[in-house]
Amino acid sequence: MQTNTSNQKIRAVAKHIHMSPHKIRRVISQIRGRSYEQALMILEFMPYRACNPILQLLSSAAANANHNFGLSKTNLFISEIQVDKGTFFKRFQPRAQGRGYPIHKPTCHITIVLNILPK
């Protein structure tokens, strides 16, 4: 069975990640445009907490490429990766004299699109 991947994208999406988009953008700017294996190496050794959800999503996108299109993981590279702002969890911190200060806990959505390395 042959599959044409030109019209279908190899992608994975993670929604409602409990982290600021700014913190995740700091990490994805390091791996944008790199091969799958290079991106794995970089994410393994970066000291940021934002690496874990990106690493899981990258592995999921590679598994999608392998399962759905029969492609080898070694021939993939990250063609697009983006982070979008999600909703805020709204909480209140109790303060003096019956007041409450709002706390906004940000979330984000990450999208990874993989493509085949040119020969």
PDB file of N, CA and C in Angstrom:
ATOM      1  N   MET A   1       0.837  -1.183   0.000  1.00  0.00           N
ATOM      2  CA  MET A   1       0.000   0.000   0.000  1.00  0.00           C
ATOM      3  C   MET A   1       0.878   1.241   0.000  1.00  0.00           C
ATOM      4  N   GLN A   2       0.708   2.085  -0.981  1.00  0.00           N
ATOM      5  CA  GLN A   2       1.475   3.314  -1.053  1.00  0.00           C
ATOM      6  C   GLN A   2       0.580   4.484  -0.680  1.00  0.00           C
ATOM      7  N   THR A   3       1.176   5.402   0.063  1.00  0.00           N
ATOM      8  CA  THR A   3       0.420   6.561   0.513  1.00  0.00           C
ATOM      9  C   THR A   3       1.139   7.823   0.060  1.00  0.00           C
ATOM     10  N   ASN A   4       0.412   8.737  -0.500  1.00  0.00           N
ATOM     11  CA  ASN A   4       0.978   9.997  -0.929  1.00  0.00           C
ATOM     12  C   ASN A   4       0.883  10.984   0.226  1.00  0.00           C
ATOM     13  N   THR A   5       2.033  11.424   0.744  1.00  0.00           N
ATOM     14  CA  THR A   5       2.031  12.325   1.900  1.00  0.00           C
ATOM     15  C   THR A   5       2.080  13.784   1.498  1.00  0.00           C
ATOM     16  N   SER A   6       2.017  14.087   0.193  1.00  0.00           N
ATOM     17  CA  SER A   6       2.117  15.477  -0.226  1.00  0.00           C
ATOM     18  C   SER A   6       0.878  16.269   0.156  1.00  0.00           C
ATOM     19  N   ASN A   7      -0.298  15.619   0.124  1.00  0.00           N
ATOM     20  CA  ASN A   7      -1.516  16.354   0.450  1.00  0.00           C
ATOM     21  C   ASN A   7      -1.934  16.170   1.910  1.00  0.00           C
ATOM     22  N   GLN A   8      -1.351  15.196   2.609  1.00  0.00           N
ATOM     23  CA  GLN A   8      -1.677  14.980   4.010  1.00  0.00           C
ATOM     24  C   GLN A   8      -0.467  15.338   4.861  1.00  0.00           C
ATOM     25  N   LYS A   9      -0.722  15.975   5.975  1.00  0.00           N
ATOM     26  CA  LYS A   9       0.366  16.406   6.846  1.00  0.00           C
ATOM     27  C   LYS A   9       0.539  15.429   7.995  1.00  0.00           C
ATOM     28  N   ILE A  10       1.792  15.245   8.377  1.00  0.00           N
ATOM     29  CA  ILE A  10       2.113  14.444   9.553  1.00  0.00           C
ATOM     30  C   ILE A  10       2.132  15.419  10.717  1.00  0.00           C
ATOM     31  N   ARG A  11       1.127  15.335  11.561  1.00  0.00           N
ATOM     32  CA  ARG A  11       1.035  16.340  12.621  1.00  0.00           C
ATOM     33  C   ARG A  11       0.533  15.726  13.914  1.00  0.00           C
ATOM     34  N   ALA A  12       0.797  16.463  14.980  1.00  0.00           N
ATOM     35  CA  ALA A  12       0.284  16.114  16.299  1.00  0.00           C
ATOM     36  C   ALA A  12      -0.009  17.415  17.033  1.00  0.00           C
ATOM     37  N   VAL A  13      -1.067  17.403  17.826  1.00  0.00           N
ATOM     38  CA  VAL A  13      -1.502  18.603  18.551  1.00  0.00           C
ATOM     39  C   VAL A  13      -1.698  18.247  20.017  1.00  0.00           C
ATOM     40  N   ALA A  14      -1.180  19.092  20.888  1.00  0.00           N
ATOM     41  CA  ALA A  14      -1.424  18.963  22.327  1.00  0.00           C
ATOM     42  C   ALA A  14      -2.149  20.225  22.775  1.00  0.00           C
ATOM     43  N   LYS A  15      -3.273  20.041  23.427  1.00  0.00           N
ATOM     44  CA  LYS A  15      -4.071  21.201  23.855  1.00  0.00           C
ATOM     45  C   LYS A  15      -4.117  21.285  25.370  1.00  0.00           C
ATOM     46  N   HIS A  16      -4.293  22.499  25.838  1.00  0.00           N
ATOM     47  CA  HIS A  16      -4.456  22.811  27.255  1.00  0.00           C
ATOM     48  C   HIS A  16      -3.268  22.330  28.097  1.00  0.00           C
ATOM     49  N   ILE A  17      -2.061  22.627  27.631  1.00  0.00           N
ATOM     50  CA  ILE A  17      -0.852  22.343  28.403  1.00  0.00           C
ATOM     51  C   ILE A  17      -0.752  23.394  29.502  1.00  0.00           C
ATOM     52  N   HIS A  18      -0.561  22.975  30.728  1.00  0.00           N
ATOM     53  CA  HIS A  18      -0.552  23.887  31.872  1.00  0.00           C
ATOM     54  C   HIS A  18       0.787  24.591  31.998  1.00  0.00           C
ATOM     55  N   MET A  19       1.065  25.458  31.034  1.00  0.00           N
ATOM     56  CA  MET A  19       2.315  26.190  31.035  1.00  0.00           C
ATOM     57  C   MET A  19       2.151  27.441  30.187  1.00  0.00           C
ATOM     58  N   SER A  20       2.936  28.434  30.475  1.00  0.00           N
ATOM     59  CA  SER A  20       2.878  29.678  29.734  1.00  0.00           C
ATOM     60  C   SER A  20       3.408  29.483  28.312  1.00  0.00           C
ATOM     61  N   PRO A  21       2.770  30.080  27.308  1.00  0.00           N
ATOM     62  CA  PRO A  21       3.273  29.960  25.937  1.00  0.00           C
ATOM     63  C   PRO A  21       4.684  30.543  25.787  1.00  0.00           C
ATOM     64  N   HIS A  22       4.986  31.566  26.567  1.00  0.00           N
ATOM     65  CA  HIS A  22       6.312  32.184  26.495  1.00  0.00           C
ATOM     66  C   HIS A  22       7.402  31.199  26.891  1.00  0.00           C
ATOM     67  N   LYS A  23       7.143  30.400  27.910  1.00  0.00           N
ATOM     68  CA  LYS A  23       8.139  29.425  28.372  1.00  0.00           C
ATOM     69  C   LYS A  23       8.331  28.308  27.347  1.00  0.00           C
ATOM     70  N   ILE A  24       7.279  27.926  26.666  1.00  0.00           N
ATOM     71  CA  ILE A  24       7.394  26.863  25.670  1.00  0.00           C
ATOM     72  C   ILE A  24       8.052  27.385  24.395  1.00  0.00           C
ATOM     73  N   ARG A  25       7.781  28.633  24.032  1.00  0.00           N
ATOM     74  CA  ARG A  25       8.419  29.208  22.844  1.00  0.00           C
ATOM     75  C   ARG A  25       9.931  29.277  23.003  1.00  0.00           C
ATOM     76  N   ARG A  26      10.396  29.458  24.234  1.00  0.00           N
ATOM     77  CA  ARG A  26      11.837  29.495  24.509  1.00  0.00           C
ATOM     78  C   ARG A  26      12.486  28.171  24.107  1.00  0.00           C
ATOM     79  N   VAL A  27      11.764  27.072  24.260  1.00  0.00           N
ATOM     80  CA  VAL A  27      12.303  25.753  23.942  1.00  0.00           C
ATOM     81  C   VAL A  27      12.121  25.421  22.459  1.00  0.00           C
ATOM     82  N   ILE A  28      10.945  25.707  21.895  1.00  0.00           N
ATOM     83  CA  ILE A  28      10.700  25.290  20.512  1.00  0.00           C
ATOM     84  C   ILE A  28      11.528  26.082  19.518  1.00  0.00           C
ATOM     85  N   SER A  29      11.988  27.267  19.889  1.00  0.00           N
ATOM     86  CA  SER A  29      12.846  28.008  18.969  1.00  0.00           C
ATOM     87  C   SER A  29      14.183  27.302  18.769  1.00  0.00           C
ATOM     88  N   GLN A  30      14.560  26.446  19.708  1.00  0.00           N
ATOM     89  CA  GLN A  30      15.814  25.698  19.596  1.00  0.00           C
ATOM     90  C   GLN A  30      15.694  24.501  18.651  1.00  0.00           C
ATOM     91  N   ILE A  31      14.492  23.937  18.482  1.00  0.00           N
ATOM     92  CA  ILE A  31      14.359  22.715  17.694  1.00  0.00           C
ATOM     93  C   ILE A  31      13.660  22.931  16.356  1.00  0.00           C
ATOM     94  N   ARG A  32      13.217  24.123  16.065  1.00  0.00           N
ATOM     95  CA  ARG A  32      12.498  24.388  14.815  1.00  0.00           C
ATOM     96  C   ARG A  32      13.427  24.147  13.616  1.00  0.00           C
ATOM     97  N   GLY A  33      12.975  23.333  12.659  1.00  0.00           N
ATOM     98  CA  GLY A  33      13.748  23.061  11.457  1.00  0.00           C
ATOM     99  C   GLY A  33      14.763  21.938  11.596  1.00  0.00           C
ATOM    100  N   ARG A  34      14.881  21.346  12.760  1.00  0.00           N
ATOM    101  CA  ARG A  34      15.872  20.283  12.974  1.00  0.00           C
ATOM    102  C   ARG A  34      15.286  18.918  12.632  1.00  0.00           C
ATOM    103  N   SER A  35      16.175  17.945  12.494  1.00  0.00           N
ATOM    104  CA  SER A  35      15.714  16.588  12.245  1.00  0.00           C
ATOM    105  C   SER A  35      15.119  16.021  13.530  1.00  0.00           C
ATOM    106  N   TYR A  36      14.381  14.938  13.373  1.00  0.00           N
ATOM    107  CA  TYR A  36      13.719  14.310  14.518  1.00  0.00           C
ATOM    108  C   TYR A  36      14.731  13.870  15.569  1.00  0.00           C
ATOM    109  N   GLU A  37      15.813  13.237  15.125  1.00  0.00           N
ATOM    110  CA  GLU A  37      16.816  12.726  16.070  1.00  0.00           C
ATOM    111  C   GLU A  37      17.553  13.854  16.785  1.00  0.00           C
ATOM    112  N   GLN A  38      17.894  14.916  16.061  1.00  0.00           N
ATOM    113  CA  GLN A  38      18.546  16.071  16.692  1.00  0.00           C
ATOM    114  C   GLN A  38      17.632  16.717  17.726  1.00  0.00           C
ATOM    115  N   ALA A  39      16.367  16.845  17.385  1.00  0.00           N
ATOM    116  CA  ALA A  39      15.410  17.458  18.307  1.00  0.00           C
ATOM    117  C   ALA A  39      15.274  16.622  19.578  1.00  0.00           C
ATOM    118  N   LEU A  40      15.266  15.288  19.453  1.00  0.00           N
ATOM    119  CA  LEU A  40      15.209  14.433  20.634  1.00  0.00           C
ATOM    120  C   LEU A  40      16.412  14.652  21.537  1.00  0.00           C
ATOM    121  N   MET A  41      17.595  14.733  20.934  1.00  0.00           N
ATOM    122  CA  MET A  41      18.830  14.938  21.719  1.00  0.00           C
ATOM    123  C   MET A  41      18.787  16.273  22.449  1.00  0.00           C
ATOM    124  N   ILE A  42      18.354  17.317  21.752  1.00  0.00           N
ATOM    125  CA  ILE A  42      18.307  18.652  22.357  1.00  0.00           C
ATOM    126  C   ILE A  42      17.322  18.681  23.515  1.00  0.00           C
ATOM    127  N   LEU A  43      16.133  18.103  23.303  1.00  0.00           N
ATOM    128  CA  LEU A  43      15.100  18.134  24.343  1.00  0.00           C
ATOM    129  C   LEU A  43      15.485  17.301  25.561  1.00  0.00           C
ATOM    130  N   GLU A  44      16.223  16.213  25.349  1.00  0.00           N
ATOM    131  CA  GLU A  44      16.634  15.361  26.471  1.00  0.00           C
ATOM    132  C   GLU A  44      17.529  16.105  27.453  1.00  0.00           C
ATOM    133  N   PHE A  45      18.389  16.971  26.924  1.00  0.00           N
ATOM    134  CA  PHE A  45      19.407  17.571  27.778  1.00  0.00           C
ATOM    135  C   PHE A  45      19.160  19.031  28.129  1.00  0.00           C
ATOM    136  N   MET A  46      18.052  19.605  27.677  1.00  0.00           N
ATOM    137  CA  MET A  46      17.729  20.973  28.090  1.00  0.00           C
ATOM    138  C   MET A  46      17.144  20.947  29.499  1.00  0.00           C
ATOM    139  N   PRO A  47      17.482  21.913  30.343  1.00  0.00           N
ATOM    140  CA  PRO A  47      17.069  21.865  31.747  1.00  0.00           C
ATOM    141  C   PRO A  47      15.702  22.473  32.038  1.00  0.00           C
ATOM    142  N   TYR A  48      14.835  22.613  31.026  1.00  0.00           N
ATOM    143  CA  TYR A  48      13.562  23.287  31.233  1.00  0.00           C
ATOM    144  C   TYR A  48      12.430  22.279  31.411  1.00  0.00           C
ATOM    145  N   ARG A  49      11.448  22.647  32.220  1.00  0.00           N
ATOM    146  CA  ARG A  49      10.279  21.805  32.446  1.00  0.00           C
ATOM    147  C   ARG A  49       9.403  21.728  31.198  1.00  0.00           C
ATOM    148  N   ALA A  50       9.506  22.721  30.328  1.00  0.00           N
ATOM    149  CA  ALA A  50       8.701  22.753  29.111  1.00  0.00           C
ATOM    150  C   ALA A  50       9.127  21.687  28.113  1.00  0.00           C
ATOM    151  N   CYS A  51      10.272  21.059  28.307  1.00  0.00           N
ATOM    152  CA  CYS A  51      10.748  20.038  27.367  1.00  0.00           C
ATOM    153  C   CYS A  51       9.900  18.774  27.406  1.00  0.00           C
ATOM    154  N   ASN A  52       9.339  18.434  28.560  1.00  0.00           N
ATOM    155  CA  ASN A  52       8.597  17.176  28.677  1.00  0.00           C
ATOM    156  C   ASN A  52       7.369  17.102  27.771  1.00  0.00           C
ATOM    157  N   PRO A  53       6.453  18.081  27.785  1.00  0.00           N
ATOM    158  CA  PRO A  53       5.307  17.957  26.876  1.00  0.00           C
ATOM    159  C   PRO A  53       5.704  18.032  25.410  1.00  0.00           C
ATOM    160  N   ILE A  54       6.760  18.789  25.082  1.00  0.00           N
ATOM    161  CA  ILE A  54       7.209  18.883  23.694  1.00  0.00           C
ATOM    162  C   ILE A  54       7.807  17.551  23.254  1.00  0.00           C
ATOM    163  N   LEU A  55       8.556  16.906  24.141  1.00  0.00           N
ATOM    164  CA  LEU A  55       9.151  15.606  23.842  1.00  0.00           C
ATOM    165  C   LEU A  55       8.075  14.551  23.609  1.00  0.00           C
ATOM    166  N   GLN A  56       7.047  14.548  24.439  1.00  0.00           N
ATOM    167  CA  GLN A  56       5.947  13.612  24.258  1.00  0.00           C
ATOM    168  C   GLN A  56       5.218  13.855  22.931  1.00  0.00           C
ATOM    169  N   LEU A  57       5.009  15.116  22.610  1.00  0.00           N
ATOM    170  CA  LEU A  57       4.293  15.453  21.378  1.00  0.00           C
ATOM    171  C   LEU A  57       5.124  15.110  20.149  1.00  0.00           C
ATOM    172  N   LEU A  58       6.422  15.328  20.215  1.00  0.00           N
ATOM    173  CA  LEU A  58       7.300  14.986  19.099  1.00  0.00           C
ATOM    174  C   LEU A  58       7.326  13.476  18.868  1.00  0.00           C
ATOM    175  N   SER A  59       7.358  12.714  19.949  1.00  0.00           N
ATOM    176  CA  SER A  59       7.312  11.257  19.826  1.00  0.00           C
ATOM    177  C   SER A  59       5.980  10.801  19.245  1.00  0.00           C
ATOM    178  N   SER A  60       4.893  11.461  19.628  1.00  0.00           N
ATOM    179  CA  SER A  60       3.575  11.132  19.101  1.00  0.00           C
ATOM    180  C   SER A  60       3.490  11.431  17.610  1.00  0.00           C
ATOM    181  N   ALA A  61       4.048  12.553  17.179  1.00  0.00           N
ATOM    182  CA  ALA A  61       4.024  12.905  15.756  1.00  0.00           C
ATOM    183  C   ALA A  61       4.836  11.907  14.944  1.00  0.00           C
ATOM    184  N   ALA A  62       5.970  11.462  15.479  1.00  0.00           N
ATOM    185  CA  ALA A  62       6.793  10.475  14.777  1.00  0.00           C
ATOM    186  C   ALA A  62       6.074   9.122  14.714  1.00  0.00           C
ATOM    187  N   ALA A  63       5.374   8.777  15.785  1.00  0.00           N
ATOM    188  CA  ALA A  63       4.598   7.534  15.784  1.00  0.00           C
ATOM    189  C   ALA A  63       3.451   7.613  14.777  1.00  0.00           C
ATOM    190  N   ASN A  64       2.843   8.792  14.640  1.00  0.00           N
ATOM    191  CA  ASN A  64       1.803   8.983  13.626  1.00  0.00           C
ATOM    192  C   ASN A  64       2.369   8.766  12.221  1.00  0.00           C
ATOM    193  N   ALA A  65       3.572   9.283  11.977  1.00  0.00           N
ATOM    194  CA  ALA A  65       4.205   9.127  10.666  1.00  0.00           C
ATOM    195  C   ALA A  65       4.504   7.667  10.388  1.00  0.00           C
ATOM    196  N   ASN A  66       4.962   6.954  11.407  1.00  0.00           N
ATOM    197  CA  ASN A  66       5.304   5.551  11.242  1.00  0.00           C
ATOM    198  C   ASN A  66       4.050   4.696  11.044  1.00  0.00           C
ATOM    199  N   HIS A  67       3.034   4.927  11.844  1.00  0.00           N
ATOM    200  CA  HIS A  67       1.829   4.100  11.801  1.00  0.00           C
ATOM    201  C   HIS A  67       0.937   4.428  10.612  1.00  0.00           C
ATOM    202  N   ASN A  68       0.693   5.708  10.368  1.00  0.00           N
ATOM    203  CA  ASN A  68      -0.261   6.103   9.334  1.00  0.00           C
ATOM    204  C   ASN A  68       0.324   6.099   7.925  1.00  0.00           C
ATOM    205  N   PHE A  69       1.630   6.434   7.804  1.00  0.00           N
ATOM    206  CA  PHE A  69       2.230   6.574   6.480  1.00  0.00           C
ATOM    207  C   PHE A  69       3.353   5.575   6.226  1.00  0.00           C
ATOM    208  N   GLY A  70       3.754   4.813   7.232  1.00  0.00           N
ATOM    209  CA  GLY A  70       4.822   3.824   7.055  1.00  0.00           C
ATOM    210  C   GLY A  70       6.187   4.432   6.844  1.00  0.00           C
ATOM    211  N   LEU A  71       6.432   5.614   7.391  1.00  0.00           N
ATOM    212  CA  LEU A  71       7.712   6.303   7.217  1.00  0.00           C
ATOM    213  C   LEU A  71       8.661   5.982   8.363  1.00  0.00           C
ATOM    214  N   SER A  72       9.951   6.005   8.061  1.00  0.00           N
ATOM    215  CA  SER A  72      10.967   5.792   9.082  1.00  0.00           C
ATOM    216  C   SER A  72      11.156   7.076   9.889  1.00  0.00           C
ATOM    217  N   LYS A  73      11.369   6.945  11.174  1.00  0.00           N
ATOM    218  CA  LYS A  73      11.541   8.115  12.035  1.00  0.00           C
ATOM    219  C   LYS A  73      12.842   8.854  11.748  1.00  0.00           C
ATOM    220  N   THR A  74      13.815   8.161  11.189  1.00  0.00           N
ATOM    221  CA  THR A  74      15.116   8.802  10.928  1.00  0.00           C
ATOM    222  C   THR A  74      15.059   9.764   9.749  1.00  0.00           C
ATOM    223  N   ASN A  75      14.021   9.651   8.897  1.00  0.00           N
ATOM    224  CA  ASN A  75      13.913  10.509   7.720  1.00  0.00           C
ATOM    225  C   ASN A  75      13.026  11.725   7.942  1.00  0.00           C
ATOM    226  N   LEU A  76      12.671  12.025   9.176  1.00  0.00           N
ATOM    227  CA  LEU A  76      11.738  13.117   9.456  1.00  0.00           C
ATOM    228  C   LEU A  76      12.456  14.345   9.982  1.00  0.00           C
ATOM    229  N   PHE A  77      11.887  15.502   9.702  1.00  0.00           N
ATOM    230  CA  PHE A  77      12.341  16.741  10.327  1.00  0.00           C
ATOM    231  C   PHE A  77      11.141  17.595  10.679  1.00  0.00           C
ATOM    232  N   ILE A  78      11.351  18.560  11.549  1.00  0.00           N
ATOM    233  CA  ILE A  78      10.264  19.417  12.027  1.00  0.00           C
ATOM    234  C   ILE A  78      10.099  20.566  11.034  1.00  0.00           C
ATOM    235  N   SER A  79       9.028  20.525  10.260  1.00  0.00           N
ATOM    236  CA  SER A  79       8.808  21.586   9.278  1.00  0.00           C
ATOM    237  C   SER A  79       8.081  22.772   9.899  1.00  0.00           C
ATOM    238  N   GLU A  80       7.155  22.506  10.806  1.00  0.00           N
ATOM    239  CA  GLU A  80       6.443  23.586  11.504  1.00  0.00           C
ATOM    240  C   GLU A  80       6.259  23.186  12.954  1.00  0.00           C
ATOM    241  N   ILE A  81       6.420  24.157  13.825  1.00  0.00           N
ATOM    242  CA  ILE A  81       6.074  23.965  15.233  1.00  0.00           C
ATOM    243  C   ILE A  81       5.616  25.315  15.748  1.00  0.00           C
ATOM    244  N   GLN A  82       4.468  25.319  16.383  1.00  0.00           N
ATOM    245  CA  GLN A  82       3.941  26.593  16.877  1.00  0.00           C
ATOM    246  C   GLN A  82       3.243  26.399  18.205  1.00  0.00           C
ATOM    247  N   VAL A  83       3.187  27.498  18.944  1.00  0.00           N
ATOM    248  CA  VAL A  83       2.513  27.516  20.236  1.00  0.00           C
ATOM    249  C   VAL A  83       1.477  28.628  20.203  1.00  0.00           C
ATOM    250  N   ASP A  84       0.259  28.284  20.553  1.00  0.00           N
ATOM    251  CA  ASP A  84      -0.813  29.265  20.620  1.00  0.00           C
ATOM    252  C   ASP A  84      -1.279  29.406  22.063  1.00  0.00           C
ATOM    253  N   LYS A  85      -1.746  30.597  22.380  1.00  0.00           N
ATOM    254  CA  LYS A  85      -2.232  30.852  23.727  1.00  0.00           C
ATOM    255  C   LYS A  85      -3.575  30.166  23.922  1.00  0.00           C
ATOM    256  N   GLY A  86      -3.723  29.495  25.055  1.00  0.00           N
ATOM    257  CA  GLY A  86      -4.986  28.839  25.382  1.00  0.00           C
ATOM    258  C   GLY A  86      -5.779  29.668  26.372  1.00  0.00           C
ATOM    259  N   THR A  87      -6.709  29.024  27.027  1.00  0.00           N
ATOM    260  CA  THR A  87      -7.529  29.715  28.023  1.00  0.00           C
ATOM    261  C   THR A  87      -6.759  29.856  29.333  1.00  0.00           C
ATOM    262  N   PHE A  88      -7.263  30.689  30.212  1.00  0.00           N
ATOM    263  CA  PHE A  88      -6.680  30.866  31.539  1.00  0.00           C
ATOM    264  C   PHE A  88      -7.540  30.137  32.561  1.00  0.00           C
ATOM    265  N   PHE A  89      -6.884  29.482  33.502  1.00  0.00           N
ATOM    266  CA  PHE A  89      -7.598  29.014  34.680  1.00  0.00           C
ATOM    267  C   PHE A  89      -7.685  30.205  35.613  1.00  0.00           C
ATOM    268  N   LYS A  90      -8.865  30.540  36.041  1.00  0.00           N
ATOM    269  CA  LYS A  90      -9.047  31.715  36.888  1.00  0.00           C
ATOM    270  C   LYS A  90      -9.280  31.267  38.320  1.00  0.00           C
ATOM    271  N   ARG A  91      -8.421  31.717  39.196  1.00  0.00           N
ATOM    272  CA  ARG A  91      -8.504  31.382  40.613  1.00  0.00           C
ATOM    273  C   ARG A  91      -8.438  32.680  41.422  1.00  0.00           C
ATOM    274  N   PHE A  92      -8.785  32.588  42.702  1.00  0.00           N
ATOM    275  CA  PHE A  92      -8.692  33.744  43.581  1.00  0.00           C
ATOM    276  C   PHE A  92      -7.854  33.406  44.798  1.00  0.00           C
ATOM    277  N   GLN A  93      -6.956  34.314  45.131  1.00  0.00           N
ATOM    278  CA  GLN A  93      -6.116  34.192  46.315  1.00  0.00           C
ATOM    279  C   GLN A  93      -6.741  35.042  47.425  1.00  0.00           C
ATOM    280  N   PRO A  94      -7.098  34.434  48.538  1.00  0.00           N
ATOM    281  CA  PRO A  94      -7.672  35.233  49.628  1.00  0.00           C
ATOM    282  C   PRO A  94      -6.663  36.237  50.181  1.00  0.00           C
ATOM    283  N   ARG A  95      -7.129  37.442  50.434  1.00  0.00           N
ATOM    284  CA  ARG A  95      -6.267  38.500  50.967  1.00  0.00           C
ATOM    285  C   ARG A  95      -6.928  39.094  52.211  1.00  0.00           C
ATOM    286  N   ALA A  96      -6.290  40.088  52.735  1.00  0.00           N
ATOM    287  CA  ALA A  96      -6.746  40.690  53.987  1.00  0.00           C
ATOM    288  C   ALA A  96      -8.082  41.403  53.814  1.00  0.00           C
ATOM    289  N   GLN A  97      -8.845  41.452  54.884  1.00  0.00           N
ATOM    290  CA  GLN A  97     -10.107  42.168  54.984  1.00  0.00           C
ATOM    291  C   GLN A  97     -11.131  41.691  53.949  1.00  0.00           C
ATOM    292  N   GLY A  98     -11.157  40.409  53.696  1.00  0.00           N
ATOM    293  CA  GLY A  98     -12.174  39.815  52.847  1.00  0.00           C
ATOM    294  C   GLY A  98     -11.992  40.016  51.359  1.00  0.00           C
ATOM    295  N   ARG A  99     -10.870  40.525  50.965  1.00  0.00           N
ATOM    296  CA  ARG A  99     -10.643  40.739  49.541  1.00  0.00           C
ATOM    297  C   ARG A  99     -10.118  39.459  48.894  1.00  0.00           C
ATOM    298  N   GLY A 100     -10.187  39.435  47.585  1.00  0.00           N
ATOM    299  CA  GLY A 100      -9.631  38.316  46.829  1.00  0.00           C
ATOM    300  C   GLY A 100      -8.905  38.839  45.604  1.00  0.00           C
ATOM    301  N   TYR A 101      -7.663  38.400  45.415  1.00  0.00           N
ATOM    302  CA  TYR A 101      -6.891  38.817  44.261  1.00  0.00           C
ATOM    303  C   TYR A 101      -6.958  37.722  43.194  1.00  0.00           C
ATOM    304  N   PRO A 102      -7.214  38.105  41.947  1.00  0.00           N
ATOM    305  CA  PRO A 102      -7.315  37.087  40.893  1.00  0.00           C
ATOM    306  C   PRO A 102      -5.944  36.515  40.529  1.00  0.00           C
ATOM    307  N   ILE A 103      -5.938  35.231  40.256  1.00  0.00           N
ATOM    308  CA  ILE A 103      -4.749  34.541  39.764  1.00  0.00           C
ATOM    309  C   ILE A 103      -5.127  33.920  38.429  1.00  0.00           C
ATOM    310  N   HIS A 104      -4.335  34.193  37.406  1.00  0.00           N
ATOM    311  CA  HIS A 104      -4.571  33.639  36.081  1.00  0.00           C
ATOM    312  C   HIS A 104      -3.483  32.616  35.789  1.00  0.00           C
ATOM    313  N   LYS A 105      -3.882  31.356  35.634  1.00  0.00           N
ATOM    314  CA  LYS A 105      -2.937  30.285  35.319  1.00  0.00           C
ATOM    315  C   LYS A 105      -3.042  30.000  33.822  1.00  0.00           C
ATOM    316  N   PRO A 106      -2.002  30.314  33.061  1.00  0.00           N
ATOM    317  CA  PRO A 106      -2.105  30.211  31.600  1.00  0.00           C
ATOM    318  C   PRO A 106      -1.996  28.780  31.098  1.00  0.00           C
ATOM    319  N   THR A 107      -2.599  28.538  29.937  1.00  0.00           N
ATOM    320  CA  THR A 107      -2.453  27.271  29.222  1.00  0.00           C
ATOM    321  C   THR A 107      -2.065  27.597  27.785  1.00  0.00           C
ATOM    322  N   CYS A 108      -1.656  26.569  27.043  1.00  0.00           N
ATOM    323  CA  CYS A 108      -1.283  26.787  25.652  1.00  0.00           C
ATOM    324  C   CYS A 108      -1.559  25.531  24.835  1.00  0.00           C
ATOM    325  N   HIS A 109      -1.529  25.706  23.509  1.00  0.00           N
ATOM    326  CA  HIS A 109      -1.718  24.622  22.563  1.00  0.00           C
ATOM    327  C   HIS A 109      -0.460  24.527  21.692  1.00  0.00           C
ATOM    328  N   ILE A 110       0.070  23.321  21.537  1.00  0.00           N
ATOM    329  CA  ILE A 110       1.276  23.111  20.736  1.00  0.00           C
ATOM    330  C   ILE A 110       0.905  22.285  19.514  1.00  0.00           C
ATOM    331  N   THR A 111       1.395  22.699  18.345  1.00  0.00           N
ATOM    332  CA  THR A 111       1.172  21.970  17.104  1.00  0.00           C
ATOM    333  C   THR A 111       2.518  21.680  16.448  1.00  0.00           C
ATOM    334  N   ILE A 112       2.750  20.410  16.107  1.00  0.00           N
ATOM    335  CA  ILE A 112       3.976  20.010  15.426  1.00  0.00           C
ATOM    336  C   ILE A 112       3.599  19.380  14.092  1.00  0.00           C
ATOM    337  N   VAL A 113       4.266  19.833  13.017  1.00  0.00           N
ATOM    338  CA  VAL A 113       4.094  19.241  11.697  1.00  0.00           C
ATOM    339  C   VAL A 113       5.446  18.728  11.237  1.00  0.00           C
ATOM    340  N   LEU A 114       5.503  17.447  10.914  1.00  0.00           N
ATOM    341  CA  LEU A 114       6.743  16.830  10.444  1.00  0.00           C
ATOM    342  C   LEU A 114       6.688  16.644   8.943  1.00  0.00           C
ATOM    343  N   ASN A 115       7.867  16.568   8.340  1.00  0.00           N
ATOM    344  CA  ASN A 115       7.969  16.338   6.918  1.00  0.00           C
ATOM    345  C   ASN A 115       9.147  15.420   6.652  1.00  0.00           C
ATOM    346  N   ILE A 116       9.263  14.922   5.438  1.00  0.00           N
ATOM    347  CA  ILE A 116      10.348  14.015   5.070  1.00  0.00           C
ATOM    348  C   ILE A 116      11.573  14.829   4.682  1.00  0.00           C
ATOM    349  N   LEU A 117      12.757  14.384   5.127  1.00  0.00           N
ATOM    350  CA  LEU A 117      13.996  15.060   4.770  1.00  0.00           C
ATOM    351  C   LEU A 117      14.220  14.990   3.262  1.00  0.00           C
ATOM    352  N   PRO A 118      14.606  16.118   2.641  1.00  0.00           N
ATOM    353  CA  PRO A 118      14.913  16.058   1.205  1.00  0.00           C
ATOM    354  C   PRO A 118      16.207  15.278   0.978  1.00  0.00           C
ATOM    355  N   LYS A 119      16.242  14.566  -0.129  1.00  0.00           N
ATOM    356  CA  LYS A 119      17.414  13.715  -0.409  1.00  0.00           C
ATOM    357  C   LYS A 119      18.525  14.473  -1.073  1.00  0.00           C
TER     358      LYS A 119
END
